[in-house]
Amino acid sequence: MKALTLISAFLGGAIVGFGSAILFAPEKGEDIRAKICKILKKKGIQISESEVDALVAELSGTQD
């Protein structure tokens, strides 16, 4: 059970790190959102641009 917890913690940290790196990268927000859509669609996740905007707002803490 300890190995599963360690793997879960590592994967959780990797996801948060990836999200932070994408959000704080020195690129235009429009380009970042397009990259997020492209990555998710490659993984088989269908998402609209408005859903990506809401996700970015939630992750960055700037929800209206």
N, C-alpha and C. Protein backbone atom coordinates (compact mmCIF):
# COMPACT_ATOMS: atom_id res chain seq x y z
N MET A 1 0.82 -1.19 0.00
CA MET A 1 0.00 0.00 0.00
C MET A 1 0.87 1.26 0.00
N LYS A 2 2.05 1.17 0.57
CA LYS A 2 2.93 2.33 0.65
C LYS A 2 3.39 2.75 -0.74
N ALA A 3 3.69 1.79 -1.60
CA ALA A 3 4.14 2.10 -2.96
C ALA A 3 3.04 2.81 -3.75
N LEU A 4 1.81 2.38 -3.57
CA LEU A 4 0.68 3.02 -4.26
C LEU A 4 0.52 4.46 -3.81
N THR A 5 0.69 4.72 -2.53
CA THR A 5 0.61 6.08 -2.01
C THR A 5 1.72 6.94 -2.57
N LEU A 6 2.91 6.41 -2.66
CA LEU A 6 4.04 7.15 -3.20
C LEU A 6 3.83 7.47 -4.67
N ILE A 7 3.35 6.51 -5.42
CA ILE A 7 3.07 6.73 -6.85
C ILE A 7 1.97 7.77 -7.02
N SER A 8 0.92 7.68 -6.22
CA SER A 8 -0.17 8.65 -6.29
C SER A 8 0.32 10.06 -5.99
N ALA A 9 1.15 10.18 -4.96
CA ALA A 9 1.70 11.49 -4.61
C ALA A 9 2.56 12.04 -5.73
N PHE A 10 3.37 11.18 -6.33
CA PHE A 10 4.23 11.61 -7.43
C PHE A 10 3.40 12.07 -8.62
N LEU A 11 2.40 11.29 -9.00
CA LEU A 11 1.56 11.66 -10.14
C LEU A 11 0.78 12.94 -9.86
N GLY A 12 0.27 13.09 -8.66
CA GLY A 12 -0.44 14.31 -8.29
C GLY A 12 0.47 15.53 -8.40
N GLY A 13 1.69 15.39 -7.91
CA GLY A 13 2.66 16.48 -7.99
C GLY A 13 3.04 16.80 -9.43
N ALA A 14 3.16 15.77 -10.24
CA ALA A 14 3.49 15.97 -11.65
C ALA A 14 2.38 16.73 -12.37
N ILE A 15 1.14 16.38 -12.07
CA ILE A 15 0.00 17.06 -12.70
C ILE A 15 -0.05 18.53 -12.28
N VAL A 16 0.12 18.79 -11.00
CA VAL A 16 0.10 20.17 -10.51
C VAL A 16 1.28 20.95 -11.11
N GLY A 17 2.44 20.34 -11.17
CA GLY A 17 3.60 20.99 -11.75
C GLY A 17 3.41 21.31 -13.22
N PHE A 18 2.85 20.37 -13.95
CA PHE A 18 2.58 20.59 -15.37
C PHE A 18 1.60 21.75 -15.55
N GLY A 19 0.54 21.73 -14.76
CA GLY A 19 -0.45 22.81 -14.85
C GLY A 19 0.14 24.17 -14.53
N SER A 20 0.96 24.22 -13.50
CA SER A 20 1.61 25.48 -13.13
C SER A 20 2.57 25.95 -14.21
N ALA A 21 3.33 25.04 -14.76
CA ALA A 21 4.29 25.40 -15.81
C ALA A 21 3.56 25.94 -17.03
N ILE A 22 2.46 25.32 -17.39
CA ILE A 22 1.69 25.78 -18.54
C ILE A 22 1.09 27.16 -18.27
N LEU A 23 0.53 27.35 -17.09
CA LEU A 23 -0.13 28.61 -16.78
C LEU A 23 0.84 29.77 -16.63
N PHE A 24 2.03 29.52 -16.14
CA PHE A 24 2.97 30.60 -15.88
C PHE A 24 4.04 30.72 -16.96
N ALA A 25 3.90 29.99 -18.03
CA ALA A 25 4.86 30.07 -19.14
C ALA A 25 4.74 31.44 -19.81
N PRO A 26 5.83 31.95 -20.33
CA PRO A 26 5.79 33.28 -20.94
C PRO A 26 5.24 33.28 -22.37
N GLU A 27 4.05 32.77 -22.51
CA GLU A 27 3.38 32.76 -23.81
C GLU A 27 2.02 33.42 -23.65
N LYS A 28 1.44 33.79 -24.79
CA LYS A 28 0.12 34.39 -24.75
C LYS A 28 -0.89 33.37 -24.23
N GLY A 29 -1.87 33.83 -23.50
CA GLY A 29 -2.91 32.96 -22.96
C GLY A 29 -3.66 32.20 -24.02
N GLU A 30 -3.87 32.85 -25.15
CA GLU A 30 -4.58 32.21 -26.26
C GLU A 30 -3.80 31.00 -26.77
N ASP A 31 -2.48 31.14 -26.85
CA ASP A 31 -1.64 30.03 -27.31
C ASP A 31 -1.64 28.88 -26.29
N ILE A 32 -1.59 29.24 -25.02
CA ILE A 32 -1.60 28.22 -23.96
C ILE A 32 -2.91 27.45 -23.97
N ARG A 33 -4.02 28.16 -24.11
CA ARG A 33 -5.33 27.49 -24.14
C ARG A 33 -5.43 26.54 -25.33
N ALA A 34 -4.89 26.96 -26.46
CA ALA A 34 -4.90 26.10 -27.66
C ALA A 34 -4.07 24.84 -27.40
N LYS A 35 -2.93 24.99 -26.73
CA LYS A 35 -2.10 23.83 -26.39
C LYS A 35 -2.84 22.88 -25.46
N ILE A 36 -3.53 23.44 -24.47
CA ILE A 36 -4.29 22.61 -23.52
C ILE A 36 -5.35 21.82 -24.28
N CYS A 37 -6.10 22.49 -25.17
CA CYS A 37 -7.12 21.80 -25.97
C CYS A 37 -6.50 20.68 -26.79
N LYS A 38 -5.39 20.97 -27.43
CA LYS A 38 -4.72 19.97 -28.29
C LYS A 38 -4.28 18.76 -27.48
N ILE A 39 -3.66 18.99 -26.32
CA ILE A 39 -3.19 17.89 -25.47
C ILE A 39 -4.36 17.04 -24.99
N LEU A 40 -5.43 17.69 -24.54
CA LEU A 40 -6.58 16.94 -24.04
C LEU A 40 -7.26 16.16 -25.16
N LYS A 41 -7.35 16.75 -26.35
CA LYS A 41 -7.97 16.04 -27.47
C LYS A 41 -7.15 14.83 -27.89
N LYS A 42 -5.82 14.92 -27.80
CA LYS A 42 -4.96 13.77 -28.09
C LYS A 42 -5.23 12.63 -27.11
N LYS A 43 -5.59 12.99 -25.89
CA LYS A 43 -5.87 11.99 -24.86
C LYS A 43 -7.31 11.48 -24.95
N GLY A 44 -8.08 11.98 -25.91
CA GLY A 44 -9.45 11.52 -26.09
C GLY A 44 -10.47 12.27 -25.26
N ILE A 45 -10.08 13.41 -24.70
CA ILE A 45 -10.98 14.20 -23.88
C ILE A 45 -11.52 15.34 -24.74
N GLN A 46 -12.82 15.34 -24.99
CA GLN A 46 -13.44 16.40 -25.78
C GLN A 46 -13.77 17.57 -24.86
N ILE A 47 -13.25 18.74 -25.19
CA ILE A 47 -13.44 19.92 -24.35
C ILE A 47 -13.57 21.14 -25.25
N SER A 48 -14.45 22.05 -24.87
CA SER A 48 -14.63 23.27 -25.65
C SER A 48 -13.70 24.36 -25.14
N GLU A 49 -13.55 25.41 -25.94
CA GLU A 49 -12.67 26.51 -25.54
C GLU A 49 -13.19 27.20 -24.28
N SER A 50 -14.52 27.30 -24.15
CA SER A 50 -15.07 27.93 -22.95
C SER A 50 -14.80 27.08 -21.71
N GLU A 51 -14.79 25.76 -21.87
CA GLU A 51 -14.46 24.89 -20.74
C GLU A 51 -12.99 25.03 -20.35
N VAL A 52 -12.13 25.20 -21.35
CA VAL A 52 -10.70 25.42 -21.06
C VAL A 52 -10.52 26.75 -20.35
N ASP A 53 -11.24 27.78 -20.80
CA ASP A 53 -11.16 29.08 -20.13
C ASP A 53 -11.58 28.97 -18.66
N ALA A 54 -12.65 28.21 -18.41
CA ALA A 54 -13.11 28.02 -17.03
C ALA A 54 -12.08 27.24 -16.22
N LEU A 55 -11.47 26.23 -16.82
CA LEU A 55 -10.45 25.44 -16.14
C LEU A 55 -9.24 26.29 -15.79
N VAL A 56 -8.79 27.11 -16.74
CA VAL A 56 -7.64 27.99 -16.49
C VAL A 56 -7.96 28.99 -15.39
N ALA A 57 -9.16 29.54 -15.42
CA ALA A 57 -9.57 30.49 -14.38
C ALA A 57 -9.60 29.82 -13.01
N GLU A 58 -10.09 28.59 -12.97
CA GLU A 58 -10.15 27.86 -11.70
C GLU A 58 -8.74 27.55 -11.17
N LEU A 59 -7.87 27.12 -12.05
CA LEU A 59 -6.51 26.77 -11.63
C LEU A 59 -5.71 28.00 -11.22
N SER A 60 -5.96 29.12 -11.87
CA SER A 60 -5.19 30.33 -11.55
C SER A 60 -5.84 31.14 -10.42
N GLY A 61 -7.04 30.75 -10.01
CA GLY A 61 -7.71 31.43 -8.90
C GLY A 61 -8.32 32.76 -9.30
N THR A 62 -8.68 32.92 -10.58
CA THR A 62 -9.26 34.18 -11.04
C THR A 62 -10.67 33.99 -11.55
N GLN A 63 -11.45 33.20 -10.86
CA GLN A 63 -12.83 32.98 -11.27
C GLN A 63 -13.64 34.23 -11.02
N ASP A 64 -14.63 34.45 -11.89
CA ASP A 64 -15.53 35.60 -11.71
C ASP A 64 -16.68 35.23 -10.81
